[in-house]
Amino acid sequence: MEGRGRAADRLRAFADCEVGEACTGSEGEAAFAEGFGAGDVLFSATPLVKPCTGCFGCWTRTPGVCVLRDHCTEMPRLMARCETFALVSPLVYGGFSHAVKAVLDRAIGYVQPFFRIVEGEMHHVPRYEGGFRLEAHFYGQSSEPERELARRLVRANAVNYYASAFEVRFHENLGEAKEALR
């Protein structure tokens, strides 16, 4: 099992700018990045990453590194270096947007292809020691059933990624989600 790098990053955020006007004007990708510190690593789900093809290359050919070449290739290793892994996404039918979901799918190399039982369920064996704190910041209009589904999803993601802790927060808009990250 690989260890974490010495200098862990404080924050990693996925800003999904694919929905509506969120990618233009004052809440565009560059504006979203303003105000974060040098120890913060920001990763945007846009431009859209290539979808996972299920080839298992990140497990067999290049362990921990996706074989598809785009800005998401090193995501599993980036995740292994962070203390807090923050996801920012519009709430879409109780889950992440397609762009953020694509990034999470491509990060499957963060775990190994082997299995073990965790809390009575089968899960992949971790590739890295330690665990990050998982934060999910959803924004946009939502119903309580959608929010409950999102809480359950993030809890499952926390178990699958061996997170040390997790938190789910809901915000009216992308600007409020960004403020919560500071």
C-alpha atoms as a PDB file:
ATOM      1  CA  MET A   1       0.000   0.000   0.000  1.00  0.00           C
ATOM      2  CA  GLU A   2       1.371   3.402  -0.928  1.00  0.00           C
ATOM      3  CA  GLY A   3       1.652   6.199   1.623  1.00  0.00           C
ATOM      4  CA  ARG A   4       0.617   9.793   1.338  1.00  0.00           C
ATOM      5  CA  GLY A   5       3.061  12.463   0.235  1.00  0.00           C
ATOM      6  CA  ARG A   6       4.658  14.540   2.980  1.00  0.00           C
ATOM      7  CA  ALA A   7       3.003  17.828   2.074  1.00  0.00           C
ATOM      8  CA  ALA A   8      -0.707  17.042   2.002  1.00  0.00           C
ATOM      9  CA  ASP A   9      -2.946  19.511   0.233  1.00  0.00           C
ATOM     10  CA  ARG A  10      -5.569  21.256   2.300  1.00  0.00           C
ATOM     11  CA  LEU A  11      -8.347  21.191  -0.225  1.00  0.00           C
ATOM     12  CA  ARG A  12      -9.405  19.793  -3.526  1.00  0.00           C
ATOM     13  CA  ALA A  13     -12.573  21.074  -5.100  1.00  0.00           C
ATOM     14  CA  PHE A  14     -14.488  20.075  -8.194  1.00  0.00           C
ATOM     15  CA  ALA A  15     -16.229  23.101  -9.588  1.00  0.00           C
ATOM     16  CA  ASP A  16     -18.842  21.874 -12.019  1.00  0.00           C
ATOM     17  CA  CYS A  17     -19.355  24.706 -14.464  1.00  0.00           C
ATOM     18  CA  GLU A  18     -21.485  22.809 -16.953  1.00  0.00           C
ATOM     19  CA  VAL A  19     -24.893  23.767 -15.599  1.00  0.00           C
ATOM     20  CA  GLY A  20     -26.644  26.871 -16.900  1.00  0.00           C
ATOM     21  CA  GLU A  21     -24.816  30.157 -16.408  1.00  0.00           C
ATOM     22  CA  ALA A  22     -22.487  28.858 -13.676  1.00  0.00           C
ATOM     23  CA  CYS A  23     -19.503  28.859 -16.045  1.00  0.00           C
ATOM     24  CA  THR A  24     -19.859  32.432 -17.214  1.00  0.00           C
ATOM     25  CA  GLY A  25     -19.729  35.828 -15.610  1.00  0.00           C
ATOM     26  CA  SER A  26     -18.726  36.333 -11.987  1.00  0.00           C
ATOM     27  CA  GLU A  27     -19.101  32.649 -11.091  1.00  0.00           C
ATOM     28  CA  GLY A  28     -16.961  31.235 -13.914  1.00  0.00           C
ATOM     29  CA  GLU A  29     -14.095  28.844 -13.365  1.00  0.00           C
ATOM     30  CA  ALA A  30     -11.455  31.569 -12.973  1.00  0.00           C
ATOM     31  CA  ALA A  31     -13.661  33.506 -10.563  1.00  0.00           C
ATOM     32  CA  PHE A  32     -14.291  30.333  -8.577  1.00  0.00           C
ATOM     33  CA  ALA A  33     -10.521  29.854  -8.140  1.00  0.00           C
ATOM     34  CA  GLU A  34     -10.004  33.352  -6.690  1.00  0.00           C
ATOM     35  CA  GLY A  35      -9.435  33.522  -2.964  1.00  0.00           C
ATOM     36  CA  PHE A  36      -8.005  30.059  -2.403  1.00  0.00           C
ATOM     37  CA  GLY A  37      -4.521  29.676  -0.918  1.00  0.00           C
ATOM     38  CA  ALA A  38      -1.293  28.278  -2.328  1.00  0.00           C
ATOM     39  CA  GLY A  39      -1.881  24.958  -0.504  1.00  0.00           C
ATOM     40  CA  ASP A  40      -5.273  24.533  -2.137  1.00  0.00           C
ATOM     41  CA  VAL A  41      -5.456  22.422  -5.269  1.00  0.00           C
ATOM     42  CA  LEU A  42      -8.503  23.090  -7.398  1.00  0.00           C
ATOM     43  CA  PHE A  43      -9.658  20.699 -10.079  1.00  0.00           C
ATOM     44  CA  SER A  44     -12.499  21.514 -12.418  1.00  0.00           C
ATOM     45  CA  ALA A  45     -14.813  18.940 -13.925  1.00  0.00           C
ATOM     46  CA  THR A  46     -14.811  21.144 -17.005  1.00  0.00           C
ATOM     47  CA  PRO A  47     -13.785  20.890 -19.673  1.00  0.00           C
ATOM     48  CA  LEU A  48     -15.576  17.607 -19.382  1.00  0.00           C
ATOM     49  CA  VAL A  49     -13.328  14.685 -18.651  1.00  0.00           C
ATOM     50  CA  LYS A  50     -13.542  11.598 -20.781  1.00  0.00           C
ATOM     51  CA  PRO A  51     -15.899   9.011 -19.270  1.00  0.00           C
ATOM     52  CA  CYS A  52     -14.427   5.894 -17.686  1.00  0.00           C
ATOM     53  CA  THR A  53     -14.350   3.062 -20.205  1.00  0.00           C
ATOM     54  CA  GLY A  54     -14.134   0.296 -17.609  1.00  0.00           C
ATOM     55  CA  CYS A  55     -10.858  -0.959 -19.087  1.00  0.00           C
ATOM     56  CA  PHE A  56      -9.273  -1.546 -15.639  1.00  0.00           C
ATOM     57  CA  GLY A  57      -6.009  -0.024 -16.906  1.00  0.00           C
ATOM     58  CA  CYS A  58      -5.758   2.060 -13.731  1.00  0.00           C
ATOM     59  CA  TRP A  59      -5.633  -1.219 -11.812  1.00  0.00           C
ATOM     60  CA  THR A  60      -3.497  -3.392 -14.082  1.00  0.00           C
ATOM     61  CA  ARG A  61      -1.392  -1.458 -16.603  1.00  0.00           C
ATOM     62  CA  THR A  62      -0.704   1.797 -14.719  1.00  0.00           C
ATOM     63  CA  PRO A  63      -1.746   1.242 -11.073  1.00  0.00           C
ATOM     64  CA  GLY A  64      -3.320   4.376  -9.596  1.00  0.00           C
ATOM     65  CA  VAL A  65      -3.141   6.328 -12.864  1.00  0.00           C
ATOM     66  CA  CYS A  66      -5.933   6.410 -15.437  1.00  0.00           C
ATOM     67  CA  VAL A  67      -4.820   5.348 -18.920  1.00  0.00           C
ATOM     68  CA  LEU A  68      -7.074   7.928 -20.595  1.00  0.00           C
ATOM     69  CA  ARG A  69      -5.070  11.075 -21.250  1.00  0.00           C
ATOM     70  CA  ASP A  70      -6.759  14.292 -20.182  1.00  0.00           C
ATOM     71  CA  HIS A  71      -6.686  16.542 -17.122  1.00  0.00           C
ATOM     72  CA  CYS A  72      -8.169  13.738 -14.967  1.00  0.00           C
ATOM     73  CA  THR A  73      -5.387  11.197 -15.541  1.00  0.00           C
ATOM     74  CA  GLU A  74      -3.667  11.753 -12.168  1.00  0.00           C
ATOM     75  CA  MET A  75      -6.850  12.128 -10.089  1.00  0.00           C
ATOM     76  CA  PRO A  76      -6.288   9.037  -7.881  1.00  0.00           C
ATOM     77  CA  ARG A  77      -2.804  10.263  -6.927  1.00  0.00           C
ATOM     78  CA  LEU A  78      -4.057  13.782  -6.318  1.00  0.00           C
ATOM     79  CA  MET A  79      -6.740  12.382  -4.030  1.00  0.00           C
ATOM     80  CA  ALA A  80      -4.109  10.432  -2.109  1.00  0.00           C
ATOM     81  CA  ARG A  81      -2.239  13.652  -1.300  1.00  0.00           C
ATOM     82  CA  CYS A  82      -5.134  15.650   0.084  1.00  0.00           C
ATOM     83  CA  GLU A  83      -6.337  16.062   3.647  1.00  0.00           C
ATOM     84  CA  THR A  84      -9.757  17.321   2.580  1.00  0.00           C
ATOM     85  CA  PHE A  85     -11.438  16.285  -0.647  1.00  0.00           C
ATOM     86  CA  ALA A  86     -14.259  18.723  -1.355  1.00  0.00           C
ATOM     87  CA  LEU A  87     -16.781  18.102  -4.108  1.00  0.00           C
ATOM     88  CA  VAL A  88     -18.864  20.992  -5.451  1.00  0.00           C
ATOM     89  CA  SER A  89     -21.779  20.081  -7.673  1.00  0.00           C
ATOM     90  CA  PRO A  90     -25.313  21.082  -8.486  1.00  0.00           C
ATOM     91  CA  LEU A  91     -27.707  18.613  -6.880  1.00  0.00           C
ATOM     92  CA  VAL A  92     -29.114  16.582  -9.780  1.00  0.00           C
ATOM     93  CA  TYR A  93     -31.886  14.155  -8.852  1.00  0.00           C
ATOM     94  CA  GLY A  94     -30.234  13.434  -5.514  1.00  0.00           C
ATOM     95  CA  GLY A  95     -26.716  13.039  -6.865  1.00  0.00           C
ATOM     96  CA  PHE A  96     -23.742  14.688  -8.494  1.00  0.00           C
ATOM     97  CA  SER A  97     -23.826  16.282 -11.928  1.00  0.00           C
ATOM     98  CA  HIS A  98     -22.695  14.120 -14.829  1.00  0.00           C
ATOM     99  CA  ALA A  99     -19.386  16.023 -14.950  1.00  0.00           C
ATOM    100  CA  VAL A 100     -18.507  15.411 -11.286  1.00  0.00           C
ATOM    101  CA  LYS A 101     -19.724  11.809 -11.518  1.00  0.00           C
ATOM    102  CA  ALA A 102     -17.372  11.281 -14.468  1.00  0.00           C
ATOM    103  CA  VAL A 103     -14.439  12.489 -12.365  1.00  0.00           C
ATOM    104  CA  LEU A 104     -15.382  10.144  -9.513  1.00  0.00           C
ATOM    105  CA  ASP A 105     -15.683   7.236 -11.943  1.00  0.00           C
ATOM    106  CA  ARG A 106     -12.230   8.003 -13.331  1.00  0.00           C
ATOM    107  CA  ALA A 107     -10.815   8.051  -9.788  1.00  0.00           C
ATOM    108  CA  ILE A 108     -11.463   4.328  -9.270  1.00  0.00           C
ATOM    109  CA  GLY A 109      -7.680   3.793  -9.374  1.00  0.00           C
ATOM    110  CA  TYR A 110      -7.615   5.321  -5.880  1.00  0.00           C
ATOM    111  CA  VAL A 111      -8.546   1.826  -4.663  1.00  0.00           C
ATOM    112  CA  GLN A 112      -7.228  -1.580  -5.704  1.00  0.00           C
ATOM    113  CA  PRO A 113      -9.093  -4.241  -7.720  1.00  0.00           C
ATOM    114  CA  PHE A 114      -9.228  -6.588  -4.716  1.00  0.00           C
ATOM    115  CA  PHE A 115     -12.159  -6.824  -2.311  1.00  0.00           C
ATOM    116  CA  ARG A 116     -12.849  -7.041   1.409  1.00  0.00           C
ATOM    117  CA  ILE A 117     -15.920  -6.751   3.622  1.00  0.00           C
ATOM    118  CA  VAL A 118     -16.556  -3.337   5.231  1.00  0.00           C
ATOM    119  CA  GLU A 119     -19.613  -2.844   7.442  1.00  0.00           C
ATOM    120  CA  GLY A 120     -21.123  -6.039   6.044  1.00  0.00           C
ATOM    121  CA  GLU A 121     -20.632  -4.941   2.420  1.00  0.00           C
ATOM    122  CA  MET A 122     -18.026  -5.784  -0.185  1.00  0.00           C
ATOM    123  CA  HIS A 123     -15.632  -2.914  -1.024  1.00  0.00           C
ATOM    124  CA  HIS A 124     -12.341  -2.483  -2.836  1.00  0.00           C
ATOM    125  CA  VAL A 125      -9.114  -2.677  -0.841  1.00  0.00           C
ATOM    126  CA  PRO A 126      -7.478   0.747  -0.346  1.00  0.00           C
ATOM    127  CA  ARG A 127      -4.377   1.579  -2.386  1.00  0.00           C
ATOM    128  CA  TYR A 128      -3.160   4.364  -0.078  1.00  0.00           C
ATOM    129  CA  GLU A 129      -2.680   4.614   3.683  1.00  0.00           C
ATOM    130  CA  GLY A 130      -4.702   7.133   5.640  1.00  0.00           C
ATOM    131  CA  GLY A 131      -7.823   8.818   4.427  1.00  0.00           C
ATOM    132  CA  PHE A 132      -9.066  12.246   3.501  1.00  0.00           C
ATOM    133  CA  ARG A 133     -12.046  14.114   4.899  1.00  0.00           C
ATOM    134  CA  LEU A 134     -14.793  14.058   2.251  1.00  0.00           C
ATOM    135  CA  GLU A 135     -16.985  17.140   1.893  1.00  0.00           C
ATOM    136  CA  ALA A 136     -19.830  17.403  -0.592  1.00  0.00           C
ATOM    137  CA  HIS A 137     -21.271  20.828  -1.322  1.00  0.00           C
ATOM    138  CA  PHE A 138     -24.409  20.648  -3.414  1.00  0.00           C
ATOM    139  CA  TYR A 139     -26.119  23.743  -4.746  1.00  0.00           C
ATOM    140  CA  GLY A 140     -29.412  24.620  -6.402  1.00  0.00           C
ATOM    141  CA  GLN A 141     -33.045  23.972  -5.638  1.00  0.00           C
ATOM    142  CA  SER A 142     -33.808  20.629  -4.074  1.00  0.00           C
ATOM    143  CA  SER A 143     -36.442  18.697  -2.192  1.00  0.00           C
ATOM    144  CA  GLU A 144     -35.882  16.882   1.100  1.00  0.00           C
ATOM    145  CA  PRO A 145     -36.059  13.449  -0.591  1.00  0.00           C
ATOM    146  CA  GLU A 146     -33.324  14.571  -3.032  1.00  0.00           C
ATOM    147  CA  ARG A 147     -31.203  15.806  -0.127  1.00  0.00           C
ATOM    148  CA  GLU A 148     -31.637  12.535   1.758  1.00  0.00           C
ATOM    149  CA  LEU A 149     -30.585  10.588  -1.321  1.00  0.00           C
ATOM    150  CA  ALA A 150     -27.508  12.830  -1.665  1.00  0.00           C
ATOM    151  CA  ARG A 151     -26.579  12.203   1.993  1.00  0.00           C
ATOM    152  CA  ARG A 152     -26.791   8.451   1.424  1.00  0.00           C
ATOM    153  CA  LEU A 153     -24.720   8.701  -1.762  1.00  0.00           C
ATOM    154  CA  VAL A 154     -21.939  10.709  -0.101  1.00  0.00           C
ATOM    155  CA  ARG A 155     -21.874   8.317   2.845  1.00  0.00           C
ATOM    156  CA  ALA A 156     -21.420   5.437   0.390  1.00  0.00           C
ATOM    157  CA  ASN A 157     -18.662   7.366  -1.408  1.00  0.00           C
ATOM    158  CA  ALA A 158     -16.967   7.975   1.958  1.00  0.00           C
ATOM    159  CA  VAL A 159     -17.004   4.240   2.708  1.00  0.00           C
ATOM    160  CA  ASN A 160     -15.779   3.351  -0.798  1.00  0.00           C
ATOM    161  CA  TYR A 161     -12.896   5.850  -0.635  1.00  0.00           C
ATOM    162  CA  TYR A 162     -12.038   5.051   3.017  1.00  0.00           C
ATOM    163  CA  ALA A 163     -12.621   8.669   4.057  1.00  0.00           C
ATOM    164  CA  SER A 164     -11.716   9.515   7.647  1.00  0.00           C
ATOM    165  CA  ALA A 165     -14.930  11.582   7.935  1.00  0.00           C
ATOM    166  CA  PHE A 166     -17.563  13.080   5.672  1.00  0.00           C
ATOM    167  CA  GLU A 167     -19.952  16.019   5.575  1.00  0.00           C
ATOM    168  CA  VAL A 168     -22.765  16.981   3.201  1.00  0.00           C
ATOM    169  CA  ARG A 169     -23.923  20.579   2.852  1.00  0.00           C
ATOM    170  CA  PHE A 170     -26.569  22.205   0.688  1.00  0.00           C
ATOM    171  CA  HIS A 171     -26.381  25.745  -0.709  1.00  0.00           C
ATOM    172  CA  GLU A 172     -28.643  27.985  -2.746  1.00  0.00           C
ATOM    173  CA  ASN A 173     -26.018  28.689  -5.433  1.00  0.00           C
ATOM    174  CA  LEU A 174     -22.397  28.129  -6.450  1.00  0.00           C
ATOM    175  CA  GLY A 175     -21.267  31.342  -4.752  1.00  0.00           C
ATOM    176  CA  GLU A 176     -22.562  30.136  -1.371  1.00  0.00           C
ATOM    177  CA  ALA A 177     -20.839  26.780  -1.862  1.00  0.00           C
ATOM    178  CA  LYS A 178     -17.552  28.552  -2.581  1.00  0.00           C
ATOM    179  CA  GLU A 179     -17.878  30.689   0.542  1.00  0.00           C
ATOM    180  CA  ALA A 180     -18.428  27.567   2.634  1.00  0.00           C
ATOM    181  CA  LEU A 181     -15.108  26.174   1.369  1.00  0.00           C
ATOM    182  CA  ARG A 182     -13.051  29.077   2.703  1.00  0.00           C
END
